[in-house]
C-alpha atoms as a PDB file:
ATOM      1  CA  MET A   1     -37.197  -1.502   8.074  1.00  0.00           C
ATOM      2  CA  GLU A   2     -34.121  -1.727   5.345  1.00  0.00           C
ATOM      3  CA  VAL A   3     -31.008   0.661   6.201  1.00  0.00           C
ATOM      4  CA  ILE A   4     -27.724   1.167   4.926  1.00  0.00           C
ATOM      5  CA  LEU A   5     -25.085   1.602   7.536  1.00  0.00           C
ATOM      6  CA  THR A   6     -23.032   4.822   7.603  1.00  0.00           C
ATOM      7  CA  GLN A   7     -20.514   3.458   9.863  1.00  0.00           C
ATOM      8  CA  ASP A   8     -19.489  -0.355  11.408  1.00  0.00           C
ATOM      9  CA  VAL A   9     -21.925  -0.922  14.130  1.00  0.00           C
ATOM     10  CA  LYS A  10     -20.514  -3.696  16.572  1.00  0.00           C
ATOM     11  CA  GLY A  11     -23.045  -6.362  16.557  1.00  0.00           C
ATOM     12  CA  VAL A  12     -24.731  -5.160  13.869  1.00  0.00           C
ATOM     13  CA  GLY A  13     -22.962  -4.682  10.570  1.00  0.00           C
ATOM     14  CA  ARG A  14     -20.294  -3.312   8.759  1.00  0.00           C
ATOM     15  CA  LYS A  15     -20.241   0.262   6.666  1.00  0.00           C
ATOM     16  CA  GLY A  16     -22.262   0.401   3.330  1.00  0.00           C
ATOM     17  CA  GLN A  17     -24.131  -2.989   4.321  1.00  0.00           C
ATOM     18  CA  LYS A  18     -27.888  -3.002   3.338  1.00  0.00           C
ATOM     19  CA  LEU A  19     -29.686  -4.544   6.581  1.00  0.00           C
ATOM     20  CA  ASN A  20     -33.260  -5.087   7.679  1.00  0.00           C
ATOM     21  CA  VAL A  21     -33.605  -3.627  11.110  1.00  0.00           C
ATOM     22  CA  ALA A  22     -36.477  -3.107  13.817  1.00  0.00           C
ATOM     23  CA  GLU A  23     -38.702   0.021  13.005  1.00  0.00           C
ATOM     24  CA  GLY A  24     -37.918   1.437  16.015  1.00  0.00           C
ATOM     25  CA  TYR A  25     -33.881   0.329  16.513  1.00  0.00           C
ATOM     26  CA  GLY A  26     -33.818   1.923  12.993  1.00  0.00           C
ATOM     27  CA  ARG A  27     -35.589   5.424  13.749  1.00  0.00           C
ATOM     28  CA  ASN A  28     -34.505   5.917  17.198  1.00  0.00           C
ATOM     29  CA  PHE A  29     -31.276   4.499  17.413  1.00  0.00           C
ATOM     30  CA  LEU A  30     -29.356   4.352  14.282  1.00  0.00           C
ATOM     31  CA  MET A  31     -30.598   6.957  12.354  1.00  0.00           C
ATOM     32  CA  PRO A  32     -30.188   9.944  14.866  1.00  0.00           C
ATOM     33  CA  ARG A  33     -26.825   9.177  15.684  1.00  0.00           C
ATOM     34  CA  GLY A  34     -25.951   9.084  11.837  1.00  0.00           C
ATOM     35  CA  LEU A  35     -25.091   5.126  11.938  1.00  0.00           C
ATOM     36  CA  ALA A  36     -27.686   4.296   9.230  1.00  0.00           C
ATOM     37  CA  ILE A  37     -29.710   6.056   6.503  1.00  0.00           C
ATOM     38  CA  GLU A  38     -33.052   4.503   5.264  1.00  0.00           C
ATOM     39  CA  ALA A  39     -32.539   2.259   2.243  1.00  0.00           C
ATOM     40  CA  THR A  40     -34.458   4.350  -0.667  1.00  0.00           C
ATOM     41  CA  SER A  41     -33.745   3.229  -4.327  1.00  0.00           C
ATOM     42  CA  GLY A  42     -31.718   6.542  -4.508  1.00  0.00           C
ATOM     43  CA  ALA A  43     -29.817   5.743  -1.551  1.00  0.00           C
ATOM     44  CA  VAL A  44     -28.825   2.012  -3.096  1.00  0.00           C
ATOM     45  CA  GLN A  45     -28.181   3.247  -6.010  1.00  0.00           C
ATOM     46  CA  GLN A  46     -25.612   5.699  -4.609  1.00  0.00           C
ATOM     47  CA  MET A  47     -24.046   2.881  -2.709  1.00  0.00           C
ATOM     48  CA  ASN A  48     -23.725   0.973  -5.583  1.00  0.00           C
ATOM     49  CA  GLU A  49     -21.643   3.527  -7.251  1.00  0.00           C
ATOM     50  CA  ARG A  50     -19.599   3.997  -4.574  1.00  0.00           C
ATOM     51  CA  ASP A  51     -18.719   0.475  -4.743  1.00  0.00           C
ATOM     52  CA  GLU A  52     -17.974   0.528  -8.247  1.00  0.00           C
ATOM     53  CA  ASN A  53     -15.919   3.560  -8.248  1.00  0.00           C
ATOM     54  CA  LYS A  54     -13.832   1.596  -5.047  1.00  0.00           C
ATOM     55  CA  ALA A  55     -13.304  -1.346  -7.434  1.00  0.00           C
ATOM     56  CA  ARG A  56     -12.252   0.963 -10.194  1.00  0.00           C
ATOM     57  CA  LYS A  57      -9.697   2.743  -8.088  1.00  0.00           C
ATOM     58  CA  LEU A  58      -8.564  -0.515  -6.541  1.00  0.00           C
ATOM     59  CA  GLN A  59      -8.304  -2.385 -10.218  1.00  0.00           C
ATOM     60  CA  ARG A  60      -6.010   0.979 -11.356  1.00  0.00           C
ATOM     61  CA  GLU A  61      -3.732   0.550  -8.002  1.00  0.00           C
ATOM     62  CA  LYS A  62      -2.995  -2.892  -8.904  1.00  0.00           C
ATOM     63  CA  GLU A  63      -2.424  -2.332 -12.386  1.00  0.00           C
ATOM     64  CA  LYS A  64       0.084   0.421 -11.275  1.00  0.00           C
ATOM     65  CA  ALA A  65       1.625  -1.860  -8.831  1.00  0.00           C
ATOM     66  CA  MET A  66       2.209  -4.431 -11.489  1.00  0.00           C
ATOM     67  CA  GLU A  67       3.803  -1.923 -14.025  1.00  0.00           C
ATOM     68  CA  LEU A  68       6.030  -0.847 -11.268  1.00  0.00           C
ATOM     69  CA  ALA A  69       7.095  -4.327 -10.611  1.00  0.00           C
ATOM     70  CA  LYS A  70       7.986  -4.998 -13.837  1.00  0.00           C
ATOM     71  CA  LYS A  71      10.163  -1.953 -13.853  1.00  0.00           C
ATOM     72  CA  LEU A  72      11.753  -3.097 -10.530  1.00  0.00           C
ATOM     73  CA  GLU A  73      12.645  -6.812 -11.373  1.00  0.00           C
ATOM     74  CA  GLN A  74      14.564  -5.464 -14.858  1.00  0.00           C
ATOM     75  CA  VAL A  75      16.787  -2.496 -13.043  1.00  0.00           C
ATOM     76  CA  SER A  76      19.284  -2.558 -10.366  1.00  0.00           C
ATOM     77  CA  VAL A  77      20.701  -0.174  -8.329  1.00  0.00           C
ATOM     78  CA  VAL A  78      24.048   0.638  -8.048  1.00  0.00           C
ATOM     79  CA  ILE A  79      25.467   2.364  -4.731  1.00  0.00           C
ATOM     80  CA  LYS A  80      29.395   3.335  -4.365  1.00  0.00           C
ATOM     81  CA  SER A  81      30.323   3.571  -0.537  1.00  0.00           C
ATOM     82  CA  LYS A  82      33.417   4.170   1.574  1.00  0.00           C
ATOM     83  CA  HIS A  83      34.857   0.566   3.086  1.00  0.00           C
ATOM     84  CA  SER A  84      37.151  -0.742   5.454  1.00  0.00           C
ATOM     85  CA  GLU A  85      39.710  -3.388   4.271  1.00  0.00           C
ATOM     86  CA  GLY A  86      37.513  -6.544   5.241  1.00  0.00           C
ATOM     87  CA  GLY A  87      34.785  -5.120   2.838  1.00  0.00           C
ATOM     88  CA  LYS A  88      32.871  -3.611   6.176  1.00  0.00           C
ATOM     89  CA  LEU A  89      30.899  -0.389   5.099  1.00  0.00           C
ATOM     90  CA  PHE A  90      31.682   3.034   7.025  1.00  0.00           C
ATOM     91  CA  GLY A  91      28.301   3.223   7.822  1.00  0.00           C
ATOM     92  CA  ALA A  92      25.013   1.438   6.422  1.00  0.00           C
ATOM     93  CA  ILE A  93      22.984   1.526   3.588  1.00  0.00           C
ATOM     94  CA  THR A  94      19.464   2.331   4.402  1.00  0.00           C
ATOM     95  CA  THR A  95      16.016   2.134   2.715  1.00  0.00           C
ATOM     96  CA  SER A  96      16.167   5.901   2.080  1.00  0.00           C
ATOM     97  CA  GLN A  97      19.638   5.929   0.229  1.00  0.00           C
ATOM     98  CA  ILE A  98      18.122   3.097  -1.884  1.00  0.00           C
ATOM     99  CA  VAL A  99      14.914   5.066  -2.916  1.00  0.00           C
ATOM    100  CA  ASP A 100      16.880   8.138  -3.728  1.00  0.00           C
ATOM    101  CA  GLU A 101      19.364   6.025  -5.934  1.00  0.00           C
ATOM    102  CA  LEU A 102      16.531   4.305  -7.693  1.00  0.00           C
ATOM    103  CA  SER A 103      15.136   7.677  -8.374  1.00  0.00           C
ATOM    104  CA  ARG A 104      18.426   9.330  -9.456  1.00  0.00           C
ATOM    105  CA  GLN A 105      19.505   6.335 -11.604  1.00  0.00           C
ATOM    106  CA  HIS A 106      15.862   5.161 -13.095  1.00  0.00           C
ATOM    107  CA  LYS A 107      13.740   7.667 -12.579  1.00  0.00           C
ATOM    108  CA  ILE A 108      11.273   5.678 -10.639  1.00  0.00           C
ATOM    109  CA  SER A 109       9.638   6.920  -7.450  1.00  0.00           C
ATOM    110  CA  LEU A 110       8.987   4.528  -4.591  1.00  0.00           C
ATOM    111  CA  ASP A 111       7.898   5.204  -0.969  1.00  0.00           C
ATOM    112  CA  ARG A 112      10.710   4.236   1.480  1.00  0.00           C
ATOM    113  CA  LYS A 113       8.212   2.291   3.565  1.00  0.00           C
ATOM    114  CA  LYS A 114       7.404  -0.269   0.551  1.00  0.00           C
ATOM    115  CA  ILE A 115      11.169  -1.336   0.910  1.00  0.00           C
ATOM    116  CA  GLU A 116      11.225  -4.366   3.347  1.00  0.00           C
ATOM    117  CA  LEU A 117      14.576  -4.628   4.320  1.00  0.00           C
ATOM    118  CA  LYS A 118      15.131  -6.194   7.679  1.00  0.00           C
ATOM    119  CA  ASP A 119      18.685  -5.013   8.645  1.00  0.00           C
ATOM    120  CA  HIS A 120      20.887  -2.173   6.854  1.00  0.00           C
ATOM    121  CA  ILE A 121      23.021  -3.213   4.530  1.00  0.00           C
ATOM    122  CA  LYS A 122      26.678  -2.930   5.988  1.00  0.00           C
ATOM    123  CA  THR A 123      28.897  -4.672   3.439  1.00  0.00           C
ATOM    124  CA  LEU A 124      30.047  -4.719  -0.340  1.00  0.00           C
ATOM    125  CA  GLY A 125      27.714  -6.785  -2.540  1.00  0.00           C
ATOM    126  CA  VAL A 126      24.686  -7.840  -4.188  1.00  0.00           C
ATOM    127  CA  PHE A 127      21.714  -7.841  -2.400  1.00  0.00           C
ATOM    128  CA  GLU A 128      17.978  -8.834  -3.285  1.00  0.00           C
ATOM    129  CA  VAL A 129      16.166  -6.370  -1.287  1.00  0.00           C
ATOM    130  CA  PRO A 130      12.185  -7.242  -0.992  1.00  0.00           C
ATOM    131  CA  VAL A 131       9.691  -4.371  -1.866  1.00  0.00           C
ATOM    132  CA  ARG A 132       5.774  -4.437  -1.140  1.00  0.00           C
ATOM    133  CA  VAL A 133       4.446  -2.917  -4.044  1.00  0.00           C
ATOM    134  CA  TYR A 134       0.918  -3.927  -3.421  1.00  0.00           C
ATOM    135  CA  PRO A 135      -0.297  -5.577  -0.135  1.00  0.00           C
ATOM    136  CA  GLU A 136      -0.119  -8.785  -1.886  1.00  0.00           C
ATOM    137  CA  MET A 137       2.710  -8.620  -4.233  1.00  0.00           C
ATOM    138  CA  VAL A 138       6.484  -8.550  -3.250  1.00  0.00           C
ATOM    139  CA  VAL A 139       9.225  -7.940  -5.979  1.00  0.00           C
ATOM    140  CA  LYS A 140      13.051  -8.367  -5.221  1.00  0.00           C
ATOM    141  CA  LEU A 141      15.119  -5.080  -6.385  1.00  0.00           C
ATOM    142  CA  VAL A 142      18.587  -5.905  -6.949  1.00  0.00           C
ATOM    143  CA  VAL A 143      20.983  -3.523  -4.975  1.00  0.00           C
ATOM    144  CA  LYS A 144      24.733  -3.354  -6.017  1.00  0.00           C
ATOM    145  CA  ILE A 145      27.196  -2.101  -3.506  1.00  0.00           C
ATOM    146  CA  HIS A 146      30.319  -1.576  -4.993  1.00  0.00           C
ATOM    147  CA  PRO A 147      33.717   0.463  -3.351  1.00  0.00           C
ATOM    148  CA  GLN A 148      33.802   4.371  -3.958  1.00  0.00           C
ATOM    149  CA  ASP A 149      36.842   5.386  -5.753  1.00  0.00           C
END
């Protein structure tokens, strides 16, 4: 019997996978629990359409990430902050401040969780901050910390 799994089933397969299983296993275990549906031509076509839509959505997300990466590589964020005589800041620059300034200065919205800042910035200077715009795509955003007048 051919079935399409509607959920991941340990030891059997992953969601969306088309499998050949024993008749009794399919009818008495998988189907009643909602773990699988019978692989009719309509169900297979629906699964293929869902896969195509998912692939198109991932492609659009990747294109948006590439556009964002190009924008981020071309801009720099300037943050003015109070500091002591040695160039140390009173407080620290956080990912939230970087996102706010990026939005205010360049009209680029970004989720603060995408900024991979290991430690808060605590001194004046120019920093390259890694931003993960897509799971396998990281770009460097230039952040300049200037003294506040």
